[in-house]
Protein backbone atom coordinates (compact mmCIF):
# COMPACT_ATOMS: atom_id res chain seq x y z
CA MET A 1 -0.10 0.09 0.20
CA LEU A 2 1.43 3.50 -0.76
CA LYS A 3 2.31 5.87 2.01
CA MET A 4 -0.78 7.57 4.01
CA ARG A 5 -1.53 11.53 3.22
CA LEU A 6 -2.40 14.09 5.95
CA ALA A 7 -6.99 13.42 6.49
CA CYS A 8 -9.68 12.36 7.89
CA VAL A 9 -12.41 10.86 7.29
CA SER A 10 -14.80 12.82 8.92
CA ILE A 11 -17.75 14.31 6.45
CA ALA A 12 -17.76 17.49 8.60
CA ALA A 13 -14.07 18.29 8.56
CA LEU A 14 -13.42 17.67 5.29
CA ALA A 15 -16.36 19.99 4.53
CA ALA A 16 -15.22 22.67 6.81
CA LEU A 17 -11.68 21.90 4.64
CA ALA A 18 -13.02 22.15 1.22
CA PRO A 19 -13.15 26.03 0.61
CA ALA A 20 -9.56 26.26 1.37
CA ARG A 21 -8.42 24.05 -0.87
CA ALA A 22 -11.37 24.44 -3.72
CA GLU A 23 -8.67 24.62 -6.65
CA GLU A 24 -8.17 20.89 -6.40
CA PRO A 25 -10.64 17.67 -5.50
CA VAL A 26 -10.86 16.79 -1.63
CA HIS A 27 -9.48 13.44 -2.84
CA ALA A 28 -8.85 11.37 -5.66
CA GLY A 29 -7.41 8.00 -7.16
CA LYS A 30 -7.57 5.73 -4.42
CA VAL A 31 -8.54 5.53 -0.52
CA ALA A 32 -7.50 3.32 2.04
CA VAL A 33 -10.45 2.09 3.86
CA TYR A 34 -9.95 0.70 7.67
CA VAL A 35 -12.48 -1.85 8.80
CA GLY A 36 -13.68 -2.23 12.71
CA THR A 37 -15.54 -5.91 13.43
CA PHE A 38 -16.55 -7.98 16.33
CA THR A 39 -14.23 -10.28 16.57
CA GLY A 40 -14.51 -14.00 16.31
CA PRO A 41 -14.09 -17.12 13.75
CA GLY A 42 -14.40 -14.87 11.20
CA SER A 43 -12.45 -11.69 12.17
CA GLU A 44 -9.39 -11.14 13.90
CA GLY A 45 -9.36 -7.05 14.67
CA ILE A 46 -9.28 -4.25 12.27
CA TYR A 47 -9.17 -4.23 8.05
CA ARG A 48 -7.81 -2.65 5.80
CA PHE A 49 -8.16 -2.70 2.03
CA GLU A 50 -7.76 -0.13 -0.63
CA LEU A 51 -10.83 1.33 -2.71
CA ASP A 52 -10.55 3.07 -6.31
CA LEU A 53 -12.82 5.87 -6.03
CA SER A 54 -13.63 6.24 -9.91
CA THR A 55 -14.44 2.84 -10.38
CA GLY A 56 -15.54 1.47 -7.22
CA ALA A 57 -12.84 -1.48 -7.15
CA ALA A 58 -11.73 -2.67 -4.04
CA SER A 59 -8.46 -4.61 -3.49
CA ALA A 60 -8.31 -8.24 -0.92
CA PRO A 61 -8.80 -7.22 2.81
CA VAL A 62 -5.95 -7.51 5.14
CA VAL A 63 -5.43 -7.53 8.95
CA ALA A 64 -4.04 -3.83 10.15
CA ALA A 65 -4.33 -4.79 13.80
CA LYS A 66 -5.00 -7.61 15.99
CA VAL A 67 -7.20 -6.58 18.81
CA THR A 68 -10.59 -7.55 20.31
CA ASN A 69 -14.17 -6.50 19.11
CA PRO A 70 -12.57 -3.19 17.56
CA SER A 71 -16.31 -2.44 16.86
CA PHE A 72 -16.01 1.45 16.01
CA LEU A 73 -13.40 3.48 14.74
CA ALA A 74 -12.43 7.00 14.22
CA ILE A 75 -9.25 8.66 12.64
CA HIS A 76 -7.12 11.76 13.85
CA PRO A 77 -7.66 14.84 11.58
CA ASN A 78 -3.42 14.59 10.96
CA GLY A 79 -4.08 11.24 9.22
CA LYS A 80 -1.16 9.88 11.60
CA PHE A 81 -3.33 7.80 14.39
CA LEU A 82 -6.40 5.72 14.83
CA TYR A 83 -8.55 4.69 17.23
CA SER A 84 -11.11 1.95 18.31
CA VAL A 85 -13.21 1.05 21.17
CA GLY A 86 -13.11 -2.65 22.43
CA GLU A 87 -15.51 -4.30 24.73
CA ILE A 88 -12.92 -5.94 26.99
CA GLY A 89 -11.89 -4.90 30.92
CA GLY A 90 -9.47 -2.06 31.34
CA LYS A 91 -7.13 -1.29 33.81
CA GLY A 92 -8.53 -3.64 36.03
CA LYS A 93 -12.05 -2.15 36.41
CA LYS A 94 -15.28 -2.81 34.56
CA SER A 95 -15.20 -1.05 31.77
CA GLY A 96 -14.52 -1.09 27.94
CA ALA A 97 -11.43 0.14 26.51
CA VAL A 98 -10.16 3.04 23.99
CA THR A 99 -6.85 1.85 22.15
CA ALA A 100 -4.65 4.07 19.93
CA PHE A 101 -2.40 3.37 17.00
CA ALA A 102 0.15 4.71 14.98
CA ILE A 103 -0.62 3.97 11.43
CA GLY A 104 2.29 3.27 9.21
CA ALA A 105 3.38 4.42 6.17
CA GLU A 106 2.40 1.04 4.31
CA GLY A 107 -1.21 1.33 6.48
CA ASN A 108 -0.67 -1.09 9.28
CA LEU A 109 -1.43 -0.44 12.67
CA THR A 110 0.81 -0.35 15.46
CA GLN A 111 -0.33 0.05 18.86
CA LEU A 112 0.21 2.73 20.96
CA ASN A 113 -1.71 2.19 24.42
CA GLU A 114 -5.06 1.40 25.53
CA GLN A 115 -6.96 3.36 28.29
CA SER A 116 -10.09 2.93 30.24
CA SER A 117 -13.33 3.90 28.25
CA GLU A 118 -14.78 4.52 31.69
CA GLY A 119 -17.93 2.31 31.40
CA ALA A 120 -18.65 -0.94 30.10
CA GLY A 121 -19.46 -1.64 26.43
CA PRO A 122 -17.91 1.05 24.68
CA CYS A 123 -19.76 1.39 21.35
CA HIS A 124 -18.75 4.41 19.65
CA LEU A 125 -16.11 7.06 19.76
CA VAL A 126 -14.74 10.61 18.02
CA VAL A 127 -11.65 12.19 17.67
CA ASP A 128 -12.57 16.34 18.04
CA LYS A 129 -12.07 18.73 15.58
CA ALA A 130 -8.85 20.44 17.22
CA GLY A 131 -7.42 16.74 17.08
CA LYS A 132 -6.89 16.75 21.14
CA ASN A 133 -8.81 14.42 22.55
CA VAL A 134 -10.77 11.24 22.04
CA LEU A 135 -14.47 11.34 23.07
CA VAL A 136 -16.12 7.85 23.57
CA ALA A 137 -19.79 6.73 24.17
CA ASN A 138 -20.35 3.81 26.71
CA TYR A 139 -23.68 1.65 26.18
CA GLY A 140 -23.62 -0.69 28.79
CA GLY A 141 -22.30 1.91 31.17
CA GLY A 142 -24.81 4.77 30.00
CA SER A 143 -21.78 7.42 30.08
CA ILE A 144 -19.61 9.10 28.17
CA ALA A 145 -16.17 9.96 28.70
CA CYS A 146 -12.79 12.37 27.20
CA LEU A 147 -9.46 11.07 26.55
CA PRO A 148 -6.71 13.74 26.10
CA ILE A 149 -4.51 12.45 23.17
CA GLN A 150 -0.75 13.25 23.79
CA PRO A 151 1.76 14.48 20.95
CA ASP A 152 2.56 10.85 20.28
CA GLY A 153 -0.90 9.97 19.61
CA SER A 154 -1.26 7.88 22.87
CA LEU A 155 -3.98 8.55 25.28
CA ALA A 156 -4.20 9.91 28.58
CA PRO A 157 -6.50 8.47 31.36
CA ALA A 158 -9.58 10.23 30.87
CA SER A 159 -10.09 13.96 32.01
CA SER A 160 -13.79 14.18 31.88
CA ALA A 161 -16.25 11.48 32.57
CA ILE A 162 -19.82 11.68 33.08
CA LYS A 163 -22.48 8.95 33.66
CA HIS A 164 -25.99 9.57 32.59
CA ALA A 165 -29.34 8.90 35.23
CA GLY A 166 -32.74 7.79 34.29
CA SER A 167 -34.91 5.48 32.31
CA SER A 168 -37.85 5.63 29.72
CA VAL A 169 -41.30 4.08 28.76
CA ASP A 170 -39.71 0.58 27.34
CA THR A 171 -38.91 -1.23 30.85
CA GLY A 172 -37.26 -3.96 28.39
CA ARG A 173 -34.81 -1.85 27.12
CA GLN A 174 -34.80 1.59 28.52
CA SER A 175 -34.87 1.18 32.28
CA ALA A 176 -31.17 2.51 32.15
CA PRO A 177 -28.89 5.08 30.23
CA HIS A 178 -27.36 3.86 27.06
CA ALA A 179 -25.42 5.82 25.46
CA HIS A 180 -25.00 4.90 21.85
CA SER A 181 -23.10 7.85 19.84
CA ILE A 182 -21.49 11.06 20.78
CA ASN A 183 -20.46 13.59 17.98
CA LEU A 184 -19.48 17.27 18.03
CA ASP A 185 -20.85 20.17 16.12
CA ALA A 186 -18.58 22.17 13.94
CA GLY A 187 -17.33 24.80 15.98
CA ASN A 188 -15.73 22.08 18.54
CA ARG A 189 -18.28 23.42 21.15
CA PHE A 190 -20.80 21.10 21.87
CA ALA A 191 -21.05 17.50 22.31
CA PHE A 192 -24.30 15.32 21.52
CA ALA A 193 -24.42 12.22 23.49
CA ALA A 194 -27.38 10.33 21.78
CA ASP A 195 -28.89 8.10 24.84
CA LEU A 196 -31.57 5.20 23.67
CA GLY A 197 -32.41 4.42 27.39
CA LEU A 198 -33.19 8.31 27.92
CA ASP A 199 -35.02 8.84 24.73
CA LYS A 200 -32.34 12.07 24.46
CA VAL A 201 -29.61 13.44 22.73
CA LEU A 202 -27.96 14.73 25.56
CA ILE A 203 -25.77 18.27 25.10
CA TYR A 204 -22.50 18.77 26.63
CA LYS A 205 -20.36 21.76 26.32
CA PHE A 206 -16.85 21.06 25.27
CA ASP A 207 -13.65 22.65 25.99
CA ALA A 208 -11.29 20.68 23.57
CA ALA A 209 -8.02 22.47 25.86
CA LYS A 210 -8.68 21.05 29.09
CA GLY A 211 -10.83 18.14 27.64
CA LEU A 212 -13.69 18.96 29.70
CA LEU A 213 -17.46 18.06 29.21
CA THR A 214 -19.78 20.09 31.15
CA PRO A 215 -23.78 20.13 30.93
CA ASN A 216 -25.59 22.51 28.63
CA ASP A 217 -28.73 24.71 29.16
CA PRO A 218 -30.94 23.26 27.18
CA PRO A 219 -29.59 20.23 28.28
CA ALA A 220 -31.08 17.61 25.83
CA GLY A 221 -32.73 17.59 22.61
CA VAL A 222 -36.03 15.12 23.17
CA VAL A 223 -37.64 12.31 20.76
CA ALA A 224 -40.85 10.55 20.90
CA PRO A 225 -41.16 8.03 23.98
CA GLY A 226 -39.88 4.63 23.05
CA SER A 227 -38.33 6.06 19.92
CA GLY A 228 -34.34 4.49 21.35
CA PRO A 229 -31.97 7.39 19.69
CA ARG A 230 -29.06 5.60 18.52
CA HIS A 231 -26.91 7.70 15.71
CA PHE A 232 -26.38 11.48 15.39
CA ALA A 233 -25.32 13.67 12.33
CA PHE A 234 -25.16 17.13 11.21
CA HIS A 235 -26.10 18.46 8.05
CA PRO A 236 -23.12 20.08 6.32
CA SER A 237 -24.69 23.62 6.80
CA GLY A 238 -25.10 23.09 10.37
CA LYS A 239 -28.08 24.31 10.50
CA PHE A 240 -29.86 20.99 11.12
CA ALA A 241 -29.05 17.77 12.68
CA TYR A 242 -30.78 14.53 12.61
CA VAL A 243 -30.94 10.96 14.90
CA ILE A 244 -31.96 7.78 14.12
CA ASN A 245 -33.92 6.13 16.75
CA GLU A 246 -33.16 2.69 16.91
CA MET A 247 -36.48 0.92 18.18
CA ALA A 248 -39.07 3.46 16.24
CA MET A 249 -37.13 3.05 13.40
CA THR A 250 -37.74 6.58 12.86
CA ILE A 251 -35.50 9.48 12.12
CA THR A 252 -36.00 12.64 13.98
CA ALA A 253 -34.82 16.02 12.62
CA PHE A 254 -33.78 18.90 14.46
CA ALA A 255 -33.31 22.70 13.67
CA TYR A 256 -29.77 23.63 15.78
CA ASP A 257 -28.69 26.82 17.34
CA ALA A 258 -24.76 26.80 16.99
CA ALA A 259 -24.82 29.60 19.65
CA LYS A 260 -26.69 28.04 22.27
CA GLY A 261 -25.87 24.43 21.43
CA SER A 262 -29.58 23.80 21.67
CA LEU A 263 -31.95 21.30 19.47
CA ALA A 264 -35.50 21.97 18.43
CA GLU A 265 -37.49 18.90 16.78
CA ILE A 266 -38.44 19.98 13.58
CA HIS A 267 -40.35 16.45 12.53
CA SER A 268 -39.79 12.76 12.81
CA ILE A 269 -39.96 10.39 9.52
CA THR A 270 -40.33 6.33 9.29
CA THR A 271 -37.21 4.88 7.81
CA LEU A 272 -39.19 2.08 6.34
CA PRO A 273 -41.40 1.60 3.54
CA VAL A 274 -43.83 -1.22 5.27
CA GLU A 275 -45.00 -2.05 8.70
CA LYS A 276 -42.41 -2.63 10.93
CA GLU A 277 -41.86 -6.11 11.78
CA ARG A 278 -40.22 -8.06 14.94
CA GLY A 279 -36.44 -8.11 14.69
CA HIS A 280 -36.35 -4.81 12.80
CA SER A 281 -34.09 -1.78 14.26
CA THR A 282 -32.12 0.61 13.04
CA ALA A 283 -28.55 1.21 12.67
CA GLU A 284 -26.23 4.19 11.25
CA ILE A 285 -27.20 8.01 9.45
CA VAL A 286 -25.27 9.79 7.16
CA CYS A 287 -25.70 12.84 5.21
CA SER A 288 -24.26 13.40 1.97
CA PRO A 289 -21.03 15.67 1.42
CA ASP A 290 -23.55 18.08 -0.68
CA GLY A 291 -26.31 17.93 2.17
CA LYS A 292 -28.52 17.01 -0.48
CA PHE A 293 -29.17 13.74 1.30
CA VAL A 294 -29.79 11.77 4.22
CA TYR A 295 -29.52 8.00 4.31
CA GLY A 296 -30.22 5.84 7.28
CA SER A 297 -29.41 1.80 7.66
CA ASN A 298 -32.49 -0.73 8.26
CA ARG A 299 -31.03 -3.76 9.71
CA GLY A 300 -33.71 -6.96 9.60
CA HIS A 301 -35.57 -4.64 6.34
CA ASP A 302 -31.81 -4.83 5.37
CA THR A 303 -32.34 -1.90 3.49
CA ILE A 304 -30.57 1.82 3.06
CA ALA A 305 -33.38 4.41 3.18
CA ILE A 306 -33.00 6.99 1.36
CA PHE A 307 -34.04 10.66 2.08
CA ALA A 308 -34.18 14.06 0.69
CA ALA A 309 -33.02 17.06 2.99
CA ASP A 310 -35.04 20.42 2.49
CA ALA A 311 -31.98 23.01 2.39
CA ALA A 312 -34.49 25.75 3.80
CA THR A 313 -36.58 23.67 6.35
CA GLY A 314 -34.22 20.91 7.31
CA LYS A 315 -37.25 18.20 6.64
CA LEU A 316 -37.01 14.82 5.27
CA THR A 317 -38.71 13.64 2.14
CA ALA A 318 -38.53 9.45 1.46
CA VAL A 319 -36.63 8.80 -1.79
CA GLY A 320 -36.65 5.34 -1.58
CA HIS A 321 -34.95 1.94 -0.20
CA GLU A 322 -31.82 0.26 -1.54
CA PRO A 323 -30.87 -3.37 -0.54
CA THR A 324 -27.65 -3.78 1.06
CA GLN A 325 -27.88 -7.48 -0.29
CA GLY A 326 -26.71 -8.67 2.86
CA LYS A 327 -28.06 -9.26 6.69
CA THR A 328 -27.78 -6.56 9.43
CA PRO A 329 -26.45 -3.76 7.90
CA ARG A 330 -24.80 -1.55 10.58
CA ASN A 331 -22.63 1.39 10.07
CA PHE A 332 -21.98 2.53 6.41
CA ALA A 333 -20.48 5.24 4.77
CA ILE A 334 -20.04 8.00 1.79
CA ASP A 335 -16.93 8.62 0.31
CA PRO A 336 -15.56 11.95 0.88
CA ASN A 337 -16.24 12.89 -2.96
CA GLY A 338 -19.62 11.69 -2.55
CA ALA A 339 -19.44 9.07 -5.46
CA LEU A 340 -19.73 5.68 -3.29
CA LEU A 341 -21.36 4.46 -0.49
CA LEU A 342 -19.83 1.28 1.51
CA ALA A 343 -22.31 -0.88 3.32
CA ALA A 344 -20.92 -3.04 5.94
CA ASN A 345 -23.67 -6.00 6.40
CA GLN A 346 -22.74 -7.41 10.00
CA GLY A 347 -24.88 -10.52 9.76
CA SER A 348 -23.36 -11.53 6.37
CA GLY A 349 -19.75 -10.90 6.78
CA THR A 350 -19.67 -8.60 3.49
CA ILE A 351 -19.12 -4.88 2.29
CA LEU A 352 -21.25 -3.76 -0.70
CA ILE A 353 -19.92 -0.61 -2.73
CA PHE A 354 -22.64 0.98 -4.64
CA LYS A 355 -22.37 4.04 -6.57
CA ARG A 356 -24.25 7.33 -5.36
CA ASP A 357 -26.49 9.39 -7.85
CA ALA A 358 -25.70 13.14 -6.50
CA ALA A 359 -28.85 14.29 -8.75
CA THR A 360 -31.18 11.64 -7.11
CA GLY A 361 -29.53 10.36 -4.10
CA LYS A 362 -30.38 6.60 -5.31
CA LEU A 363 -28.09 3.83 -5.10
CA THR A 364 -26.70 1.47 -7.35
CA ALA A 365 -24.52 -1.76 -6.71
CA THR A 366 -21.47 -1.74 -8.60
CA GLY A 367 -20.95 -5.76 -8.24
CA ASN A 368 -17.84 -5.08 -5.88
CA VAL A 369 -18.22 -7.01 -2.46
CA VAL A 370 -15.36 -7.55 -0.04
CA GLN A 371 -15.54 -10.19 2.74
CA VAL A 372 -14.87 -9.31 6.28
CA GLY A 373 -16.16 -10.87 9.22
CA SER A 374 -18.82 -9.05 11.00
CA PRO A 375 -17.79 -5.48 9.77
CA VAL A 376 -19.19 -3.05 11.79
CA CYS A 377 -17.49 0.26 10.85
CA VAL A 378 -15.23 1.58 7.82
CA ARG A 379 -13.80 4.87 7.60
CA PHE A 380 -11.60 6.62 4.57
CA LEU A 381 -7.94 7.56 4.66
CA PRO A 382 -6.40 8.89 1.78
CA ILE A 383 -3.70 7.34 -0.22
CA ALA A 384 -0.80 9.60 -1.46
CA LYS A 385 0.09 9.12 -4.95
């Protein structure tokens, strides 16, 4: 593999960089794709492969690092470090871990260190836009934490950790908090933790210099009881945000006030074309780089739901549903050029590569399939020519 180039796969970060580099495309040619998995008979850890952005062709995946249950990944803005969650014990505590890796010239990962995630079942993490901290959400522990990044890319112990409290209406799944994701706004000033157990997107003020999270006022965006908010995405304009609700199989659109860090509900829309059936749930939500479309994954129905986003109001209108040609689509990602969508089918051990029509938002299978055991998360990193 060729030498990795300075960049990160965060769509929001790439959008912010684009105006300053308008004379050239954000990415061209090939990118490296890193895949987080649940380890077991079909997976040894984090995988990587090369993806041709013009054709959708992919190389055979190889193991980048052997590590236990690195289900979710995040890449540092400088492109030199990668971080993963791990559902394992950390530092003798009943918690999961966050592991730091250095990305080598050939794309392989060298483990730097591991720190406690300060809660059980870490399931999602991000690197803040200043590249100073990793923020992690713990599903089992119902908590979030901030871990400072050292100059060499390794992680310090958590500088801030907050355990959520409360419950909601579904006694089977919402008797306790379950933080399912954590995200930052474009200004790097506020953090948003979608908590499935509370039916809230909790909002925190974020101080990147101190690695400090403190409750915001207002403290949360609220969804309908029993919805189960899971993952969260900002519209590239910064005016709107969307949360996909795992239990209700809906997406709730919010208007975002960047000055106050507040979310005001616009509306909710189903992710399904038919009535929900037993075993159906949602997983990921992604906005297209141009902000015209929003996509969500339906597990059980095994499709990507496609919505047009109104630039003036933020409202969503259903466009259609594309089968992922596999079982249990979990995370998916759109390449930084907006041309391809990669859908990770956890249940069938496949990553399907789709072409995306920028005008209609619709998806067409390229015929290219990458085989990786229990894929959960895909992340892009550019390759220098």
